[in-house]
PDB file of N, CA and C in Angstrom:
ATOM      1  N   MET A   1      -1.205  -7.498  -9.898  1.00  0.00           N
ATOM      2  CA  MET A   1      -1.497  -6.418  -9.003  1.00  0.00           C
ATOM      3  C   MET A   1      -1.219  -5.087  -9.692  1.00  0.00           C
ATOM      4  N   SER A   2      -2.049  -4.102  -9.413  1.00  0.00           N
ATOM      5  CA  SER A   2      -1.878  -2.817 -10.067  1.00  0.00           C
ATOM      6  C   SER A   2      -0.752  -2.026  -9.410  1.00  0.00           C
ATOM      7  N   ALA A   3      -0.165  -1.144 -10.190  1.00  0.00           N
ATOM      8  CA  ALA A   3       0.893  -0.279  -9.681  1.00  0.00           C
ATOM      9  C   ALA A   3       0.237   0.938  -9.047  1.00  0.00           C
ATOM     10  N   ARG A   4      -0.216   0.765  -7.778  1.00  0.00           N
ATOM     11  CA  ARG A   4      -0.917   1.835  -7.087  1.00  0.00           C
ATOM     12  C   ARG A   4      -0.450   1.867  -5.645  1.00  0.00           C
ATOM     13  N   CYS A   5      -0.134   3.070  -5.171  1.00  0.00           N
ATOM     14  CA  CYS A   5       0.302   3.251  -3.792  1.00  0.00           C
ATOM     15  C   CYS A   5      -0.915   3.250  -2.871  1.00  0.00           C
ATOM     16  N   GLN A   6      -0.855   2.488  -1.779  1.00  0.00           N
ATOM     17  CA  GLN A   6      -1.966   2.423  -0.850  1.00  0.00           C
ATOM     18  C   GLN A   6      -2.086   3.678   0.005  1.00  0.00           C
ATOM     19  N   VAL A   7      -1.005   4.426   0.152  1.00  0.00           N
ATOM     20  CA  VAL A   7      -1.019   5.605   1.013  1.00  0.00           C
ATOM     21  C   VAL A   7      -1.381   6.857   0.228  1.00  0.00           C
ATOM     22  N   THR A   8      -0.693   7.117  -0.871  1.00  0.00           N
ATOM     23  CA  THR A   8      -0.909   8.349  -1.624  1.00  0.00           C
ATOM     24  C   THR A   8      -1.843   8.177  -2.804  1.00  0.00           C
ATOM     25  N   GLY A   9      -2.052   6.947  -3.262  1.00  0.00           N
ATOM     26  CA  GLY A   9      -2.927   6.723  -4.400  1.00  0.00           C
ATOM     27  C   GLY A   9      -2.267   6.950  -5.742  1.00  0.00           C
ATOM     28  N   ARG A  10      -0.969   7.108  -5.766  1.00  0.00           N
ATOM     29  CA  ARG A  10      -0.270   7.335  -7.027  1.00  0.00           C
ATOM     30  C   ARG A  10      -0.411   6.132  -7.944  1.00  0.00           C
ATOM     31  N   THR A  11      -0.690   6.419  -9.222  1.00  0.00           N
ATOM     32  CA  THR A  11      -0.840   5.367 -10.216  1.00  0.00           C
ATOM     33  C   THR A  11       0.057   5.662 -11.402  1.00  0.00           C
ATOM     34  N   VAL A  12      -0.046   4.829 -12.418  1.00  0.00           N
ATOM     35  CA  VAL A  12       0.757   4.974 -13.619  1.00  0.00           C
ATOM     36  C   VAL A  12       0.337   6.242 -14.358  1.00  0.00           C
ATOM     37  N   GLY A  13       1.322   6.971 -14.883  1.00  0.00           N
ATOM     38  CA  GLY A  13       1.053   8.142 -15.710  1.00  0.00           C
ATOM     39  C   GLY A  13       1.337   7.814 -17.164  1.00  0.00           C
ATOM     40  N   PHE A  14       0.587   8.442 -18.073  1.00  0.00           N
ATOM     41  CA  PHE A  14       0.751   8.198 -19.500  1.00  0.00           C
ATOM     42  C   PHE A  14       1.119   9.489 -20.196  1.00  0.00           C
ATOM     43  N   GLY A  15       1.822   9.336 -21.316  1.00  0.00           N
ATOM     44  CA  GLY A  15       2.205  10.506 -22.096  1.00  0.00           C
ATOM     45  C   GLY A  15       2.913  10.081 -23.357  1.00  0.00           C
ATOM     46  N   ASN A  16       3.703  10.990 -23.900  1.00  0.00           N
ATOM     47  CA  ASN A  16       4.423  10.749 -25.136  1.00  0.00           C
ATOM     48  C   ASN A  16       5.923  10.761 -24.892  1.00  0.00           C
ATOM     49  N   ALA A  17       6.616   9.827 -25.551  1.00  0.00           N
ATOM     50  CA  ALA A  17       8.069   9.891 -25.624  1.00  0.00           C
ATOM     51  C   ALA A  17       8.394  10.656 -26.902  1.00  0.00           C
ATOM     52  N   VAL A  18       9.164  11.722 -26.799  1.00  0.00           N
ATOM     53  CA  VAL A  18       9.457  12.565 -27.942  1.00  0.00           C
ATOM     54  C   VAL A  18      10.918  12.365 -28.314  1.00  0.00           C
ATOM     55  N   SER A  19      11.152  11.862 -29.529  1.00  0.00           N
ATOM     56  CA  SER A  19      12.510  11.596 -29.985  1.00  0.00           C
ATOM     57  C   SER A  19      13.175  12.888 -30.468  1.00  0.00           C
ATOM     58  N   HIS A  20      14.444  12.759 -30.863  1.00  0.00           N
ATOM     59  CA  HIS A  20      15.185  13.916 -31.362  1.00  0.00           C
ATOM     60  C   HIS A  20      14.536  14.479 -32.628  1.00  0.00           C
ATOM     61  N   SER A  21      13.979  13.614 -33.465  1.00  0.00           N
ATOM     62  CA  SER A  21      13.306  14.076 -34.684  1.00  0.00           C
ATOM     63  C   SER A  21      11.872  14.528 -34.408  1.00  0.00           C
ATOM     64  N   HIS A  22      11.486  14.508 -33.145  1.00  0.00           N
ATOM     65  CA  HIS A  22      10.192  14.979 -32.660  1.00  0.00           C
ATOM     66  C   HIS A  22       9.043  14.033 -32.979  1.00  0.00           C
ATOM     67  N   ARG A  23       9.359  12.776 -33.276  1.00  0.00           N
ATOM     68  CA  ARG A  23       8.303  11.764 -33.402  1.00  0.00           C
ATOM     69  C   ARG A  23       7.782  11.449 -32.014  1.00  0.00           C
ATOM     70  N   ARG A  24       6.493  11.213 -31.910  1.00  0.00           N
ATOM     71  CA  ARG A  24       5.886  10.950 -30.610  1.00  0.00           C
ATOM     72  C   ARG A  24       5.328   9.537 -30.566  1.00  0.00           C
ATOM     73  N   THR A  25       5.723   8.804 -29.537  1.00  0.00           N
ATOM     74  CA  THR A  25       5.172   7.472 -29.295  1.00  0.00           C
ATOM     75  C   THR A  25       4.688   7.429 -27.856  1.00  0.00           C
ATOM     76  N   ARG A  26       3.664   6.641 -27.615  1.00  0.00           N
ATOM     77  CA  ARG A  26       3.080   6.571 -26.281  1.00  0.00           C
ATOM     78  C   ARG A  26       4.015   5.840 -25.322  1.00  0.00           C
ATOM     79  N   ARG A  27       4.039   6.305 -24.085  1.00  0.00           N
ATOM     80  CA  ARG A  27       4.836   5.670 -23.050  1.00  0.00           C
ATOM     81  C   ARG A  27       4.122   5.809 -21.722  1.00  0.00           C
ATOM     82  N   ARG A  28       4.664   5.166 -20.705  1.00  0.00           N
ATOM     83  CA  ARG A  28       4.062   5.236 -19.378  1.00  0.00           C
ATOM     84  C   ARG A  28       5.134   5.458 -18.325  1.00  0.00           C
ATOM     85  N   TRP A  29       4.764   6.140 -17.275  1.00  0.00           N
ATOM     86  CA  TRP A  29       5.628   6.361 -16.130  1.00  0.00           C
ATOM     87  C   TRP A  29       5.078   5.545 -14.975  1.00  0.00           C
ATOM     88  N   SER A  30       5.830   4.572 -14.531  1.00  0.00           N
ATOM     89  CA  SER A  30       5.393   3.737 -13.416  1.00  0.00           C
ATOM     90  C   SER A  30       5.853   4.350 -12.099  1.00  0.00           C
ATOM     91  N   PRO A  31       4.989   4.354 -11.080  1.00  0.00           N
ATOM     92  CA  PRO A  31       5.430   4.857  -9.777  1.00  0.00           C
ATOM     93  C   PRO A  31       6.410   3.878  -9.133  1.00  0.00           C
ATOM     94  N   ASN A  32       7.231   4.385  -8.247  1.00  0.00           N
ATOM     95  CA  ASN A  32       8.240   3.587  -7.571  1.00  0.00           C
ATOM     96  C   ASN A  32       7.573   2.844  -6.406  1.00  0.00           C
ATOM     97  N   ILE A  33       6.931   1.712  -6.715  1.00  0.00           N
ATOM     98  CA  ILE A  33       6.179   0.953  -5.717  1.00  0.00           C
ATOM     99  C   ILE A  33       7.105  -0.023  -4.994  1.00  0.00           C
ATOM    100  N   GLN A  34       7.048   0.023  -3.666  1.00  0.00           N
ATOM    101  CA  GLN A  34       7.835  -0.872  -2.820  1.00  0.00           C
ATOM    102  C   GLN A  34       6.871  -1.640  -1.911  1.00  0.00           C
ATOM    103  N   THR A  35       7.206  -2.862  -1.589  1.00  0.00           N
ATOM    104  CA  THR A  35       6.456  -3.623  -0.590  1.00  0.00           C
ATOM    105  C   THR A  35       7.190  -3.487   0.736  1.00  0.00           C
ATOM    106  N   LYS A  36       6.548  -2.828   1.689  1.00  0.00           N
ATOM    107  CA  LYS A  36       7.179  -2.558   2.976  1.00  0.00           C
ATOM    108  C   LYS A  36       6.339  -3.177   4.091  1.00  0.00           C
ATOM    109  N   THR A  37       7.012  -3.702   5.106  1.00  0.00           N
ATOM    110  CA  THR A  37       6.352  -4.256   6.280  1.00  0.00           C
ATOM    111  C   THR A  37       6.621  -3.333   7.458  1.00  0.00           C
ATOM    112  N   TYR A  38       5.558  -2.911   8.117  1.00  0.00           N
ATOM    113  CA  TYR A  38       5.658  -2.014   9.268  1.00  0.00           C
ATOM    114  C   TYR A  38       5.081  -2.713  10.487  1.00  0.00           C
ATOM    115  N   TYR A  39       5.605  -2.399  11.654  1.00  0.00           N
ATOM    116  CA  TYR A  39       5.121  -2.957  12.908  1.00  0.00           C
ATOM    117  C   TYR A  39       4.171  -1.966  13.559  1.00  0.00           C
ATOM    118  N   LEU A  40       2.983  -2.443  13.924  1.00  0.00           N
ATOM    119  CA  LEU A  40       2.001  -1.624  14.631  1.00  0.00           C
ATOM    120  C   LEU A  40       2.056  -1.963  16.122  1.00  0.00           C
ATOM    121  N   PRO A  41       2.663  -1.118  16.936  1.00  0.00           N
ATOM    122  CA  PRO A  41       2.782  -1.433  18.361  1.00  0.00           C
ATOM    123  C   PRO A  41       1.438  -1.514  19.068  1.00  0.00           C
ATOM    124  N   SER A  42       0.448  -0.727  18.640  1.00  0.00           N
ATOM    125  CA  SER A  42      -0.848  -0.723  19.331  1.00  0.00           C
ATOM    126  C   SER A  42      -1.576  -2.052  19.170  1.00  0.00           C
ATOM    127  N   GLN A  43      -1.331  -2.762  18.051  1.00  0.00           N
ATOM    128  CA  GLN A  43      -1.990  -4.041  17.819  1.00  0.00           C
ATOM    129  C   GLN A  43      -1.041  -5.219  17.994  1.00  0.00           C
ATOM    130  N   GLY A  44       0.237  -4.944  18.138  1.00  0.00           N
ATOM    131  CA  GLY A  44       1.222  -5.999  18.334  1.00  0.00           C
ATOM    132  C   GLY A  44       1.388  -6.903  17.117  1.00  0.00           C
ATOM    133  N   ARG A  45       1.217  -6.354  15.925  1.00  0.00           N
ATOM    134  CA  ARG A  45       1.366  -7.148  14.703  1.00  0.00           C
ATOM    135  C   ARG A  45       1.980  -6.302  13.599  1.00  0.00           C
ATOM    136  N   ARG A  46       2.314  -6.979  12.520  1.00  0.00           N
ATOM    137  CA  ARG A  46       2.903  -6.312  11.364  1.00  0.00           C
ATOM    138  C   ARG A  46       1.855  -6.136  10.277  1.00  0.00           C
ATOM    139  N   VAL A  47       2.022  -5.081   9.484  1.00  0.00           N
ATOM    140  CA  VAL A  47       1.187  -4.871   8.303  1.00  0.00           C
ATOM    141  C   VAL A  47       2.109  -4.701   7.106  1.00  0.00           C
ATOM    142  N   THR A  48       1.719  -5.268   5.978  1.00  0.00           N
ATOM    143  CA  THR A  48       2.472  -5.137   4.744  1.00  0.00           C
ATOM    144  C   THR A  48       1.714  -4.208   3.819  1.00  0.00           C
ATOM    145  N   LEU A  49       2.391  -3.165   3.360  1.00  0.00           N
ATOM    146  CA  LEU A  49       1.779  -2.170   2.488  1.00  0.00           C
ATOM    147  C   LEU A  49       2.554  -2.076   1.185  1.00  0.00           C
ATOM    148  N   ARG A  50       1.835  -1.781   0.095  1.00  0.00           N
ATOM    149  CA  ARG A  50       2.459  -1.465  -1.186  1.00  0.00           C
ATOM    150  C   ARG A  50       2.463   0.053  -1.305  1.00  0.00           C
ATOM    151  N   VAL A  51       3.628   0.657  -1.105  1.00  0.00           N
ATOM    152  CA  VAL A  51       3.717   2.111  -1.043  1.00  0.00           C
ATOM    153  C   VAL A  51       4.754   2.615  -2.028  1.00  0.00           C
ATOM    154  N   SER A  52       4.545   3.852  -2.485  1.00  0.00           N
ATOM    155  CA  SER A  52       5.519   4.509  -3.342  1.00  0.00           C
ATOM    156  C   SER A  52       6.592   5.148  -2.462  1.00  0.00           C
ATOM    157  N   ALA A  53       7.622   5.680  -3.098  1.00  0.00           N
ATOM    158  CA  ALA A  53       8.679   6.350  -2.344  1.00  0.00           C
ATOM    159  C   ALA A  53       8.107   7.546  -1.596  1.00  0.00           C
ATOM    160  N   LYS A  54       7.169   8.258  -2.211  1.00  0.00           N
ATOM    161  CA  LYS A  54       6.505   9.381  -1.548  1.00  0.00           C
ATOM    162  C   LYS A  54       5.660   8.885  -0.371  1.00  0.00           C
ATOM    163  N   GLY A  55       5.030   7.716  -0.515  1.00  0.00           N
ATOM    164  CA  GLY A  55       4.248   7.140   0.573  1.00  0.00           C
ATOM    165  C   GLY A  55       5.109   6.787   1.767  1.00  0.00           C
ATOM    166  N   ILE A  56       6.330   6.315   1.516  1.00  0.00           N
ATOM    167  CA  ILE A  56       7.261   6.013   2.606  1.00  0.00           C
ATOM    168  C   ILE A  56       7.609   7.286   3.367  1.00  0.00           C
ATOM    169  N   LYS A  57       7.797   8.395   2.637  1.00  0.00           N
ATOM    170  CA  LYS A  57       8.089   9.673   3.281  1.00  0.00           C
ATOM    171  C   LYS A  57       6.903  10.154   4.111  1.00  0.00           C
ATOM    172  N   VAL A  58       5.674   9.924   3.627  1.00  0.00           N
ATOM    173  CA  VAL A  58       4.481  10.311   4.378  1.00  0.00           C
ATOM    174  C   VAL A  58       4.403   9.508   5.678  1.00  0.00           C
ATOM    175  N   ILE A  59       4.700   8.212   5.613  1.00  0.00           N
ATOM    176  CA  ILE A  59       4.682   7.375   6.817  1.00  0.00           C
ATOM    177  C   ILE A  59       5.760   7.818   7.794  1.00  0.00           C
ATOM    178  N   ASP A  60       6.940   8.169   7.282  1.00  0.00           N
ATOM    179  CA  ASP A  60       8.006   8.664   8.160  1.00  0.00           C
ATOM    180  C   ASP A  60       7.602   9.980   8.830  1.00  0.00           C
ATOM    181  N   ARG A  61       6.873  10.824   8.105  1.00  0.00           N
ATOM    182  CA  ARG A  61       6.483  12.124   8.628  1.00  0.00           C
ATOM    183  C   ARG A  61       5.343  12.011   9.641  1.00  0.00           C
ATOM    184  N   ASP A  62       4.283  11.259   9.289  1.00  0.00           N
ATOM    185  CA  ASP A  62       3.078  11.215  10.121  1.00  0.00           C
ATOM    186  C   ASP A  62       3.068  10.071  11.123  1.00  0.00           C
ATOM    187  N   GLY A  63       3.808   9.006  10.853  1.00  0.00           N
ATOM    188  CA  GLY A  63       3.808   7.835  11.715  1.00  0.00           C
ATOM    189  C   GLY A  63       2.878   6.769  11.165  1.00  0.00           C
ATOM    190  N   ILE A  64       3.248   5.513  11.376  1.00  0.00           N
ATOM    191  CA  ILE A  64       2.493   4.398  10.808  1.00  0.00           C
ATOM    192  C   ILE A  64       1.114   4.292  11.447  1.00  0.00           C
ATOM    193  N   GLU A  65       0.985   4.602  12.735  1.00  0.00           N
ATOM    194  CA  GLU A  65      -0.318   4.512  13.402  1.00  0.00           C
ATOM    195  C   GLU A  65      -1.317   5.483  12.776  1.00  0.00           C
ATOM    196  N   ALA A  66      -0.906   6.721  12.531  1.00  0.00           N
ATOM    197  CA  ALA A  66      -1.799   7.722  11.949  1.00  0.00           C
ATOM    198  C   ALA A  66      -2.178   7.362  10.518  1.00  0.00           C
ATOM    199  N   VAL A  67      -1.219   6.839   9.759  1.00  0.00           N
ATOM    200  CA  VAL A  67      -1.488   6.484   8.365  1.00  0.00           C
ATOM    201  C   VAL A  67      -2.455   5.312   8.289  1.00  0.00           C
ATOM    202  N   VAL A  68      -2.258   4.296   9.129  1.00  0.00           N
ATOM    203  CA  VAL A  68      -3.155   3.134   9.118  1.00  0.00           C
ATOM    204  C   VAL A  68      -4.554   3.545   9.584  1.00  0.00           C
ATOM    205  N   ALA A  69      -4.636   4.440  10.564  1.00  0.00           N
ATOM    206  CA  ALA A  69      -5.950   4.916  11.014  1.00  0.00           C
ATOM    207  C   ALA A  69      -6.671   5.649   9.883  1.00  0.00           C
ATOM    208  N   ARG A  70      -5.950   6.457   9.116  1.00  0.00           N
ATOM    209  CA  ARG A  70      -6.560   7.186   7.996  1.00  0.00           C
ATOM    210  C   ARG A  70      -7.009   6.228   6.902  1.00  0.00           C
ATOM    211  N   LEU A  71      -6.194   5.194   6.622  1.00  0.00           N
ATOM    212  CA  LEU A  71      -6.559   4.219   5.606  1.00  0.00           C
ATOM    213  C   LEU A  71      -7.816   3.448   6.016  1.00  0.00           C
ATOM    214  N   ARG A  72      -7.922   3.122   7.279  1.00  0.00           N
ATOM    215  CA  ARG A  72      -9.112   2.396   7.760  1.00  0.00           C
ATOM    216  C   ARG A  72     -10.355   3.269   7.688  1.00  0.00           C
ATOM    217  N   ARG A  73     -10.223   4.575   7.995  1.00  0.00           N
ATOM    218  CA  ARG A  73     -11.363   5.496   7.868  1.00  0.00           C
ATOM    219  C   ARG A  73     -11.846   5.566   6.413  1.00  0.00           C
ATOM    220  N   GLU A  74     -10.888   5.458   5.468  1.00  0.00           N
ATOM    221  CA  GLU A  74     -11.247   5.524   4.055  1.00  0.00           C
ATOM    222  C   GLU A  74     -11.774   4.194   3.524  1.00  0.00           C
ATOM    223  N   GLY A  75     -11.760   3.159   4.361  1.00  0.00           N
ATOM    224  CA  GLY A  75     -12.355   1.893   3.968  1.00  0.00           C
ATOM    225  C   GLY A  75     -11.381   0.836   3.478  1.00  0.00           C
ATOM    226  N   ALA A  76     -10.084   1.049   3.641  1.00  0.00           N
ATOM    227  CA  ALA A  76      -9.098   0.053   3.218  1.00  0.00           C
ATOM    228  C   ALA A  76      -9.080  -1.108   4.202  1.00  0.00           C
ATOM    229  N   ASP A  77      -8.848  -2.302   3.698  1.00  0.00           N
ATOM    230  CA  ASP A  77      -8.804  -3.501   4.540  1.00  0.00           C
ATOM    231  C   ASP A  77      -7.361  -3.779   4.913  1.00  0.00           C
ATOM    232  N   ILE A  78      -6.975  -3.353   6.121  1.00  0.00           N
ATOM    233  CA  ILE A  78      -5.579  -3.525   6.568  1.00  0.00           C
ATOM    234  C   ILE A  78      -5.570  -4.255   7.891  1.00  0.00           C
TER     235      ILE A  78
END
């Protein structure tokens, strides 16, 4: 499975690791992906989402119902 947040769309970032001698080697920054289960009261069931830490904050701010409605409008299968 890819390291991608279902809510915010955050993916892996790439760049250079720069040592003390200033040598550069390629590296990657992985997003903080968590598997979270949320309860949808309107449907009486649970949904499992792969979300980043920022995605969890978005769900806390907007509410799980609004986030799932937005994901469905964008064509996600939830």
